[in-house]
Amino acid sequence: MDFFNNDPFEAWQILQKVLERRGNPPYIIGGDLDLSGTPIKSLGNLTSVEGNLDLRDTPIKSLGNLQSVGGSLYLWDTPIKSLGNLQSVGGDLNLYDTLIESLGNLQSVGGDFNLRHTEIESLGNLTSVGGYLYLEGTSIKSLGNLESVGGSLILKNTSIESLGNLQSVRGNLNLIGETIQSLENLTLVGGDLDLQNTSIKSLENLTSVGGTLGLRFSQIKSLGNLQSVGGNLDLLGTPLSTMYTKEQIRKMVDVVGKIYM
């Protein structure tokens, strides 16, 4: 939409008239599409935007047939409640404090995904987030089909009860004080993993923590399949602290840092 830099909405209206004459076929925008602050109500038969899509401060209620955004998607101050047919966002998707209730067909977000303080209750078909995933202040109880998070996973003040299909978090994962009972399918945390004051009794399938593993005052009784900890291992006040010595723990797990018991 660079052909009308001074008035992108005028360019948009001209484009829609051209498409209307052609029977409103599906179409793709090759670069960025900035319609922020305009009175746009429909994307027509738009199926893909290869760059960023900015719909901030517009009255649009639906993304229509849109299936993919190659860059970031901005939806602040819109009445949109569902992402509908959208399957992928290559960049960031920030839905903080929006009216969003459903992720629709969304499967992947390549950058950071912010759902803080939304009414969202399920991640639906979402399987991967390339950056950080913020779920603070949501009522989500399970991560469902989500398999991987490329950055940190923020779950502060949530109702989370299950990690679902989650296998890897490349950044930090903080579950301090959460009601979660099991790590289920989780095998890798690239940063710090904090399980202080949780009722988790086994690390189950977890094999590697890249940073510090905090288990202080948890109910942990088994390290499961854990093979390596890149930082410190804190077992203070756990059943494991009375079952093994530091030397025995080091024979079971490769701990780079200190062990606290």
C-alpha atoms as a PDB file:
ATOM      1  CA  MET A   1       0.000   0.000   0.000  1.00  0.00           C
ATOM      2  CA  ASP A   2       2.879   2.370  -0.769  1.00  0.00           C
ATOM      3  CA  PHE A   3       1.139   3.909  -3.783  1.00  0.00           C
ATOM      4  CA  PHE A   4      -0.786   6.340  -1.543  1.00  0.00           C
ATOM      5  CA  ASN A   5       1.560   7.192   1.310  1.00  0.00           C
ATOM      6  CA  ASN A   6      -0.272  10.396   2.227  1.00  0.00           C
ATOM      7  CA  ASP A   7      -3.691   8.758   2.544  1.00  0.00           C
ATOM      8  CA  PRO A   8      -3.607   4.958   2.918  1.00  0.00           C
ATOM      9  CA  PHE A   9      -7.391   4.773   3.384  1.00  0.00           C
ATOM     10  CA  GLU A  10      -7.947   6.503   0.039  1.00  0.00           C
ATOM     11  CA  ALA A  11      -5.624   3.954  -1.527  1.00  0.00           C
ATOM     12  CA  TRP A  12      -7.569   1.211   0.191  1.00  0.00           C
ATOM     13  CA  GLN A  13     -10.899   2.484  -1.167  1.00  0.00           C
ATOM     14  CA  ILE A  14      -9.523   2.661  -4.708  1.00  0.00           C
ATOM     15  CA  LEU A  15      -8.184  -0.878  -4.401  1.00  0.00           C
ATOM     16  CA  GLN A  16     -11.580  -2.140  -3.215  1.00  0.00           C
ATOM     17  CA  LYS A  17     -13.341  -0.517  -6.196  1.00  0.00           C
ATOM     18  CA  VAL A  18     -10.901  -2.175  -8.603  1.00  0.00           C
ATOM     19  CA  LEU A  19     -11.425  -5.545  -6.930  1.00  0.00           C
ATOM     20  CA  GLU A  20     -15.205  -5.069  -6.967  1.00  0.00           C
ATOM     21  CA  ARG A  21     -15.137  -4.617 -10.741  1.00  0.00           C
ATOM     22  CA  ARG A  22     -13.269  -7.932 -10.935  1.00  0.00           C
ATOM     23  CA  GLY A  23     -15.810  -9.802  -8.853  1.00  0.00           C
ATOM     24  CA  ASN A  24     -14.050  -9.444  -5.464  1.00  0.00           C
ATOM     25  CA  PRO A  25     -11.441 -12.196  -5.939  1.00  0.00           C
ATOM     26  CA  PRO A  26      -9.120 -13.288  -3.086  1.00  0.00           C
ATOM     27  CA  TYR A  27      -6.040 -11.056  -2.972  1.00  0.00           C
ATOM     28  CA  ILE A  28      -2.725 -10.575  -1.158  1.00  0.00           C
ATOM     29  CA  ILE A  29      -0.943  -7.402   0.016  1.00  0.00           C
ATOM     30  CA  GLY A  30       2.793  -7.780  -0.643  1.00  0.00           C
ATOM     31  CA  GLY A  31       4.073  -5.288   1.950  1.00  0.00           C
ATOM     32  CA  ASP A  32       2.766  -3.477   5.033  1.00  0.00           C
ATOM     33  CA  LEU A  33      -0.865  -2.416   5.360  1.00  0.00           C
ATOM     34  CA  ASP A  34      -1.490   0.464   7.762  1.00  0.00           C
ATOM     35  CA  LEU A  35      -5.159   1.308   8.241  1.00  0.00           C
ATOM     36  CA  SER A  36      -4.896   2.507  11.832  1.00  0.00           C
ATOM     37  CA  GLY A  37      -7.314   5.270  12.799  1.00  0.00           C
ATOM     38  CA  THR A  38      -9.455   4.816   9.683  1.00  0.00           C
ATOM     39  CA  PRO A  39     -13.201   3.971   9.494  1.00  0.00           C
ATOM     40  CA  ILE A  40     -12.520   0.588   7.837  1.00  0.00           C
ATOM     41  CA  LYS A  41     -15.181  -2.048   8.548  1.00  0.00           C
ATOM     42  CA  SER A  42     -14.105  -4.927   6.308  1.00  0.00           C
ATOM     43  CA  LEU A  43     -10.947  -6.398   4.757  1.00  0.00           C
ATOM     44  CA  GLY A  44     -12.976  -7.697   1.842  1.00  0.00           C
ATOM     45  CA  ASN A  45     -11.527 -10.926   0.437  1.00  0.00           C
ATOM     46  CA  LEU A  46      -7.995 -10.268   1.720  1.00  0.00           C
ATOM     47  CA  THR A  47      -6.284 -13.589   2.495  1.00  0.00           C
ATOM     48  CA  SER A  48      -2.710 -12.558   3.308  1.00  0.00           C
ATOM     49  CA  VAL A  49      -0.532  -9.573   4.244  1.00  0.00           C
ATOM     50  CA  GLU A  50       3.170 -10.289   3.775  1.00  0.00           C
ATOM     51  CA  GLY A  51       4.291  -7.390   5.981  1.00  0.00           C
ATOM     52  CA  ASN A  52       2.754  -5.754   9.064  1.00  0.00           C
ATOM     53  CA  LEU A  53      -0.996  -5.224   9.407  1.00  0.00           C
ATOM     54  CA  ASP A  54      -2.079  -2.287  11.569  1.00  0.00           C
ATOM     55  CA  LEU A  55      -5.778  -2.023  12.412  1.00  0.00           C
ATOM     56  CA  ARG A  56      -5.473  -0.080  15.659  1.00  0.00           C
ATOM     57  CA  ASP A  57      -8.276   2.285  16.598  1.00  0.00           C
ATOM     58  CA  THR A  58     -10.692   1.115  13.878  1.00  0.00           C
ATOM     59  CA  PRO A  59     -14.319  -0.108  14.043  1.00  0.00           C
ATOM     60  CA  ILE A  60     -13.532  -3.383  12.224  1.00  0.00           C
ATOM     61  CA  LYS A  61     -15.259  -6.375  13.840  1.00  0.00           C
ATOM     62  CA  SER A  62     -13.899  -9.274  11.784  1.00  0.00           C
ATOM     63  CA  LEU A  63     -10.713 -10.270   9.953  1.00  0.00           C
ATOM     64  CA  GLY A  64     -12.868 -11.952   7.317  1.00  0.00           C
ATOM     65  CA  ASN A  65     -10.951 -14.428   5.143  1.00  0.00           C
ATOM     66  CA  LEU A  66      -7.508 -13.336   6.344  1.00  0.00           C
ATOM     67  CA  GLN A  67      -5.321 -16.411   6.849  1.00  0.00           C
ATOM     68  CA  SER A  68      -1.784 -15.099   7.344  1.00  0.00           C
ATOM     69  CA  VAL A  69       0.223 -12.013   8.316  1.00  0.00           C
ATOM     70  CA  GLY A  70       3.941 -12.204   7.573  1.00  0.00           C
ATOM     71  CA  GLY A  71       4.891  -9.419   9.974  1.00  0.00           C
ATOM     72  CA  SER A  72       3.224  -8.140  13.126  1.00  0.00           C
ATOM     73  CA  LEU A  73      -0.514  -7.682  13.680  1.00  0.00           C
ATOM     74  CA  TYR A  74      -1.880  -4.736  15.683  1.00  0.00           C
ATOM     75  CA  LEU A  75      -5.469  -4.864  16.934  1.00  0.00           C
ATOM     76  CA  TRP A  76      -5.574  -2.487  19.938  1.00  0.00           C
ATOM     77  CA  ASP A  77      -8.771  -0.493  20.373  1.00  0.00           C
ATOM     78  CA  THR A  78     -10.838  -2.599  17.980  1.00  0.00           C
ATOM     79  CA  PRO A  79     -14.089  -4.496  18.732  1.00  0.00           C
ATOM     80  CA  ILE A  80     -12.685  -7.757  17.296  1.00  0.00           C
ATOM     81  CA  LYS A  81     -13.528 -10.741  19.513  1.00  0.00           C
ATOM     82  CA  SER A  82     -12.219 -13.598  17.355  1.00  0.00           C
ATOM     83  CA  LEU A  83      -9.240 -14.056  15.032  1.00  0.00           C
ATOM     84  CA  GLY A  84     -11.489 -16.118  12.776  1.00  0.00           C
ATOM     85  CA  ASN A  85      -9.702 -17.784   9.838  1.00  0.00           C
ATOM     86  CA  LEU A  86      -6.269 -16.390  10.714  1.00  0.00           C
ATOM     87  CA  GLN A  87      -3.745 -19.250  10.941  1.00  0.00           C
ATOM     88  CA  SER A  88      -0.343 -17.585  11.313  1.00  0.00           C
ATOM     89  CA  VAL A  89       1.370 -14.343  12.327  1.00  0.00           C
ATOM     90  CA  GLY A  90       5.071 -14.166  11.481  1.00  0.00           C
ATOM     91  CA  GLY A  91       5.899 -11.305  13.843  1.00  0.00           C
ATOM     92  CA  ASP A  92       4.406 -10.079  17.125  1.00  0.00           C
ATOM     93  CA  LEU A  93       0.750 -10.292  18.105  1.00  0.00           C
ATOM     94  CA  ASN A  94      -0.210  -8.011  20.984  1.00  0.00           C
ATOM     95  CA  LEU A  95      -3.779  -8.460  22.228  1.00  0.00           C
ATOM     96  CA  TYR A  96      -3.197  -6.972  25.679  1.00  0.00           C
ATOM     97  CA  ASP A  97      -6.406  -5.652  27.264  1.00  0.00           C
ATOM     98  CA  THR A  98      -8.441  -6.158  24.066  1.00  0.00           C
ATOM     99  CA  LEU A  99     -11.945  -7.652  23.706  1.00  0.00           C
ATOM    100  CA  ILE A 100     -10.587 -10.880  22.202  1.00  0.00           C
ATOM    101  CA  GLU A 101     -12.404 -14.043  23.300  1.00  0.00           C
ATOM    102  CA  SER A 102     -11.261 -16.618  20.729  1.00  0.00           C
ATOM    103  CA  LEU A 103      -8.058 -17.287  18.774  1.00  0.00           C
ATOM    104  CA  GLY A 104     -10.077 -18.910  16.003  1.00  0.00           C
ATOM    105  CA  ASN A 105      -7.864 -21.012  13.705  1.00  0.00           C
ATOM    106  CA  LEU A 106      -4.577 -19.477  14.870  1.00  0.00           C
ATOM    107  CA  GLN A 107      -1.757 -22.053  14.873  1.00  0.00           C
ATOM    108  CA  SER A 108       1.483 -20.082  15.130  1.00  0.00           C
ATOM    109  CA  VAL A 109       2.961 -16.728  16.145  1.00  0.00           C
ATOM    110  CA  GLY A 110       6.567 -16.160  15.089  1.00  0.00           C
ATOM    111  CA  GLY A 111       7.340 -13.359  17.550  1.00  0.00           C
ATOM    112  CA  ASP A 112       5.991 -12.354  20.963  1.00  0.00           C
ATOM    113  CA  PHE A 113       2.346 -13.107  21.777  1.00  0.00           C
ATOM    114  CA  ASN A 114       0.693 -10.973  24.460  1.00  0.00           C
ATOM    115  CA  LEU A 115      -2.678 -12.073  25.880  1.00  0.00           C
ATOM    116  CA  ARG A 116      -2.414 -10.338  29.247  1.00  0.00           C
ATOM    117  CA  HIS A 117      -5.703  -9.274  30.842  1.00  0.00           C
ATOM    118  CA  THR A 118      -7.952 -10.650  28.105  1.00  0.00           C
ATOM    119  CA  GLU A 119     -11.116 -12.773  28.381  1.00  0.00           C
ATOM    120  CA  ILE A 120      -9.442 -15.633  26.503  1.00  0.00           C
ATOM    121  CA  GLU A 121     -10.091 -19.048  28.061  1.00  0.00           C
ATOM    122  CA  SER A 122      -8.394 -21.358  25.532  1.00  0.00           C
ATOM    123  CA  LEU A 123      -5.389 -21.301  23.207  1.00  0.00           C
ATOM    124  CA  GLY A 124      -7.401 -23.322  20.716  1.00  0.00           C
ATOM    125  CA  ASN A 125      -5.292 -24.624  17.807  1.00  0.00           C
ATOM    126  CA  LEU A 126      -2.150 -22.710  18.764  1.00  0.00           C
ATOM    127  CA  THR A 127       0.923 -24.978  18.587  1.00  0.00           C
ATOM    128  CA  SER A 128       3.922 -22.620  18.604  1.00  0.00           C
ATOM    129  CA  VAL A 129       5.073 -19.157  19.701  1.00  0.00           C
ATOM    130  CA  GLY A 130       8.518 -18.068  18.526  1.00  0.00           C
ATOM    131  CA  GLY A 131       9.054 -15.375  21.165  1.00  0.00           C
ATOM    132  CA  TYR A 132       7.617 -14.652  24.603  1.00  0.00           C
ATOM    133  CA  LEU A 133       4.102 -15.774  25.535  1.00  0.00           C
ATOM    134  CA  TYR A 134       2.312 -13.572  28.086  1.00  0.00           C
ATOM    135  CA  LEU A 135      -0.761 -15.083  29.747  1.00  0.00           C
ATOM    136  CA  GLU A 136      -0.776 -12.982  32.913  1.00  0.00           C
ATOM    137  CA  GLY A 137      -4.233 -12.301  34.329  1.00  0.00           C
ATOM    138  CA  THR A 138      -6.099 -14.727  32.056  1.00  0.00           C
ATOM    139  CA  SER A 139      -8.447 -17.552  33.072  1.00  0.00           C
ATOM    140  CA  ILE A 140      -6.725 -20.147  30.874  1.00  0.00           C
ATOM    141  CA  LYS A 141      -6.538 -23.500  32.664  1.00  0.00           C
ATOM    142  CA  SER A 142      -4.640 -25.532  30.079  1.00  0.00           C
ATOM    143  CA  LEU A 143      -2.061 -24.774  27.392  1.00  0.00           C
ATOM    144  CA  GLY A 144      -3.857 -27.292  25.200  1.00  0.00           C
ATOM    145  CA  ASN A 145      -2.154 -27.982  21.850  1.00  0.00           C
ATOM    146  CA  LEU A 146       0.752 -25.599  22.455  1.00  0.00           C
ATOM    147  CA  GLU A 147       4.045 -27.463  21.923  1.00  0.00           C
ATOM    148  CA  SER A 148       6.802 -24.846  21.967  1.00  0.00           C
ATOM    149  CA  VAL A 149       7.605 -21.329  23.177  1.00  0.00           C
ATOM    150  CA  GLY A 150      10.782 -19.741  21.804  1.00  0.00           C
ATOM    151  CA  GLY A 151      11.099 -17.158  24.586  1.00  0.00           C
ATOM    152  CA  SER A 152       9.839 -17.078  28.153  1.00  0.00           C
ATOM    153  CA  LEU A 153       6.376 -18.217  29.225  1.00  0.00           C
ATOM    154  CA  ILE A 154       4.685 -15.795  31.646  1.00  0.00           C
ATOM    155  CA  LEU A 155       1.870 -17.363  33.692  1.00  0.00           C
ATOM    156  CA  LYS A 156       1.607 -14.972  36.648  1.00  0.00           C
ATOM    157  CA  ASN A 157      -1.887 -14.712  38.214  1.00  0.00           C
ATOM    158  CA  THR A 158      -3.461 -17.320  35.948  1.00  0.00           C
ATOM    159  CA  SER A 159      -5.757 -20.275  36.625  1.00  0.00           C
ATOM    160  CA  ILE A 160      -3.354 -22.683  34.897  1.00  0.00           C
ATOM    161  CA  GLU A 161      -3.803 -26.319  35.867  1.00  0.00           C
ATOM    162  CA  SER A 162      -2.166 -28.137  32.961  1.00  0.00           C
ATOM    163  CA  LEU A 163       0.753 -27.567  30.564  1.00  0.00           C
ATOM    164  CA  GLY A 164      -1.045 -29.701  27.979  1.00  0.00           C
ATOM    165  CA  ASN A 165       1.179 -30.719  25.047  1.00  0.00           C
ATOM    166  CA  LEU A 166       3.945 -28.240  25.899  1.00  0.00           C
ATOM    167  CA  GLN A 167       7.369 -29.771  25.187  1.00  0.00           C
ATOM    168  CA  SER A 168       9.831 -26.873  25.223  1.00  0.00           C
ATOM    169  CA  VAL A 169      10.293 -23.347  26.558  1.00  0.00           C
ATOM    170  CA  ARG A 170      13.518 -21.760  25.304  1.00  0.00           C
ATOM    171  CA  GLY A 171      13.393 -18.929  27.833  1.00  0.00           C
ATOM    172  CA  ASN A 172      12.274 -18.877  31.481  1.00  0.00           C
ATOM    173  CA  LEU A 173       9.289 -20.649  33.026  1.00  0.00           C
ATOM    174  CA  ASN A 174       8.052 -19.469  36.419  1.00  0.00           C
ATOM    175  CA  LEU A 175       5.406 -21.586  38.150  1.00  0.00           C
ATOM    176  CA  ILE A 176       5.923 -20.354  41.730  1.00  0.00           C
ATOM    177  CA  GLY A 177       2.821 -20.962  43.807  1.00  0.00           C
ATOM    178  CA  GLU A 178       0.734 -22.203  40.857  1.00  0.00           C
ATOM    179  CA  THR A 179      -1.719 -25.077  41.393  1.00  0.00           C
ATOM    180  CA  ILE A 180      -0.199 -27.127  38.605  1.00  0.00           C
ATOM    181  CA  GLN A 181       0.351 -30.777  39.531  1.00  0.00           C
ATOM    182  CA  SER A 182       2.500 -32.101  36.669  1.00  0.00           C
ATOM    183  CA  LEU A 183       4.999 -31.013  34.002  1.00  0.00           C
ATOM    184  CA  GLU A 184       3.427 -33.605  31.685  1.00  0.00           C
ATOM    185  CA  ASN A 185       5.207 -33.542  28.269  1.00  0.00           C
ATOM    186  CA  LEU A 186       7.736 -30.807  29.055  1.00  0.00           C
ATOM    187  CA  THR A 187      11.281 -31.936  28.139  1.00  0.00           C
ATOM    188  CA  LEU A 188      13.318 -28.714  27.903  1.00  0.00           C
ATOM    189  CA  VAL A 189      13.548 -25.281  29.514  1.00  0.00           C
ATOM    190  CA  GLY A 190      16.328 -23.162  28.043  1.00  0.00           C
ATOM    191  CA  GLY A 191      16.419 -20.574  30.825  1.00  0.00           C
ATOM    192  CA  ASP A 192      15.407 -20.737  34.488  1.00  0.00           C
ATOM    193  CA  LEU A 193      12.663 -23.049  35.733  1.00  0.00           C
ATOM    194  CA  ASP A 194      11.125 -22.030  39.052  1.00  0.00           C
ATOM    195  CA  LEU A 195       8.848 -24.529  40.812  1.00  0.00           C
ATOM    196  CA  GLN A 196       9.100 -23.150  44.337  1.00  0.00           C
ATOM    197  CA  ASN A 197       6.137 -23.835  46.623  1.00  0.00           C
ATOM    198  CA  THR A 198       4.409 -26.104  44.110  1.00  0.00           C
ATOM    199  CA  SER A 199       2.918 -29.541  44.721  1.00  0.00           C
ATOM    200  CA  ILE A 200       4.808 -31.130  41.815  1.00  0.00           C
ATOM    201  CA  LYS A 201       6.322 -34.426  42.979  1.00  0.00           C
ATOM    202  CA  SER A 202       8.257 -35.472  39.859  1.00  0.00           C
ATOM    203  CA  LEU A 203       9.992 -33.755  36.937  1.00  0.00           C
ATOM    204  CA  GLU A 204       8.807 -36.625  34.755  1.00  0.00           C
ATOM    205  CA  ASN A 205       9.969 -36.169  31.126  1.00  0.00           C
ATOM    206  CA  LEU A 206      12.080 -33.055  31.737  1.00  0.00           C
ATOM    207  CA  THR A 207      15.672 -33.719  30.597  1.00  0.00           C
ATOM    208  CA  SER A 208      17.349 -30.296  30.509  1.00  0.00           C
ATOM    209  CA  VAL A 209      17.232 -26.884  32.208  1.00  0.00           C
ATOM    210  CA  GLY A 210      19.632 -24.322  30.754  1.00  0.00           C
ATOM    211  CA  GLY A 211      19.601 -21.989  33.738  1.00  0.00           C
ATOM    212  CA  THR A 212      18.738 -22.405  37.420  1.00  0.00           C
ATOM    213  CA  LEU A 213      16.226 -24.993  38.590  1.00  0.00           C
ATOM    214  CA  GLY A 214      14.368 -23.773  41.675  1.00  0.00           C
ATOM    215  CA  LEU A 215      12.527 -26.451  43.655  1.00  0.00           C
ATOM    216  CA  ARG A 216      12.717 -24.859  47.106  1.00  0.00           C
ATOM    217  CA  PHE A 217       9.853 -25.871  49.438  1.00  0.00           C
ATOM    218  CA  SER A 218       8.172 -27.924  46.712  1.00  0.00           C
ATOM    219  CA  GLN A 219       6.934 -31.491  47.186  1.00  0.00           C
ATOM    220  CA  ILE A 220       9.415 -32.913  44.684  1.00  0.00           C
ATOM    221  CA  LYS A 221      10.370 -36.539  45.332  1.00  0.00           C
ATOM    222  CA  SER A 222      11.825 -37.511  41.967  1.00  0.00           C
ATOM    223  CA  LEU A 223      14.019 -35.787  39.388  1.00  0.00           C
ATOM    224  CA  GLY A 224      12.517 -38.049  36.734  1.00  0.00           C
ATOM    225  CA  ASN A 225      14.544 -38.062  33.494  1.00  0.00           C
ATOM    226  CA  LEU A 226      16.502 -34.907  34.318  1.00  0.00           C
ATOM    227  CA  GLN A 227      20.031 -35.041  32.865  1.00  0.00           C
ATOM    228  CA  SER A 228      21.447 -31.526  33.080  1.00  0.00           C
ATOM    229  CA  VAL A 229      21.074 -28.156  34.840  1.00  0.00           C
ATOM    230  CA  GLY A 230      23.094 -25.269  33.422  1.00  0.00           C
ATOM    231  CA  GLY A 231      22.836 -23.115  36.562  1.00  0.00           C
ATOM    232  CA  ASN A 232      22.134 -23.840  40.214  1.00  0.00           C
ATOM    233  CA  LEU A 233      19.862 -26.545  41.624  1.00  0.00           C
ATOM    234  CA  ASP A 234      17.867 -25.473  44.684  1.00  0.00           C
ATOM    235  CA  LEU A 235      16.418 -28.389  46.706  1.00  0.00           C
ATOM    236  CA  LEU A 236      16.149 -26.625  50.054  1.00  0.00           C
ATOM    237  CA  GLY A 237      13.140 -27.768  52.080  1.00  0.00           C
ATOM    238  CA  THR A 238      12.153 -30.576  49.680  1.00  0.00           C
ATOM    239  CA  PRO A 239      11.777 -34.326  50.360  1.00  0.00           C
ATOM    240  CA  LEU A 240      14.788 -34.864  48.073  1.00  0.00           C
ATOM    241  CA  SER A 241      17.003 -32.865  50.422  1.00  0.00           C
ATOM    242  CA  THR A 242      16.605 -35.602  53.054  1.00  0.00           C
ATOM    243  CA  MET A 243      16.805 -38.513  50.611  1.00  0.00           C
ATOM    244  CA  TYR A 244      20.149 -37.756  48.930  1.00  0.00           C
ATOM    245  CA  THR A 245      23.449 -35.968  49.483  1.00  0.00           C
ATOM    246  CA  LYS A 246      24.837 -33.347  47.096  1.00  0.00           C
ATOM    247  CA  GLU A 247      27.352 -35.897  45.836  1.00  0.00           C
ATOM    248  CA  GLN A 248      24.604 -38.384  45.046  1.00  0.00           C
ATOM    249  CA  ILE A 249      22.598 -35.714  43.224  1.00  0.00           C
ATOM    250  CA  ARG A 250      25.631 -34.847  41.061  1.00  0.00           C
ATOM    251  CA  LYS A 251      26.005 -38.498  40.083  1.00  0.00           C
ATOM    252  CA  MET A 252      22.410 -38.474  38.840  1.00  0.00           C
ATOM    253  CA  VAL A 253      22.369 -35.021  37.207  1.00  0.00           C
ATOM    254  CA  ASP A 254      25.039 -32.871  35.568  1.00  0.00           C
ATOM    255  CA  VAL A 255      24.705 -29.648  37.582  1.00  0.00           C
ATOM    256  CA  VAL A 256      27.015 -26.830  36.411  1.00  0.00           C
ATOM    257  CA  GLY A 257      26.312 -24.508  39.331  1.00  0.00           C
ATOM    258  CA  LYS A 258      25.778 -25.000  43.044  1.00  0.00           C
ATOM    259  CA  ILE A 259      23.369 -27.367  44.755  1.00  0.00           C
ATOM    260  CA  TYR A 260      21.401 -26.000  47.699  1.00  0.00           C
ATOM    261  CA  MET A 261      19.981 -28.461  50.217  1.00  0.00           C
END
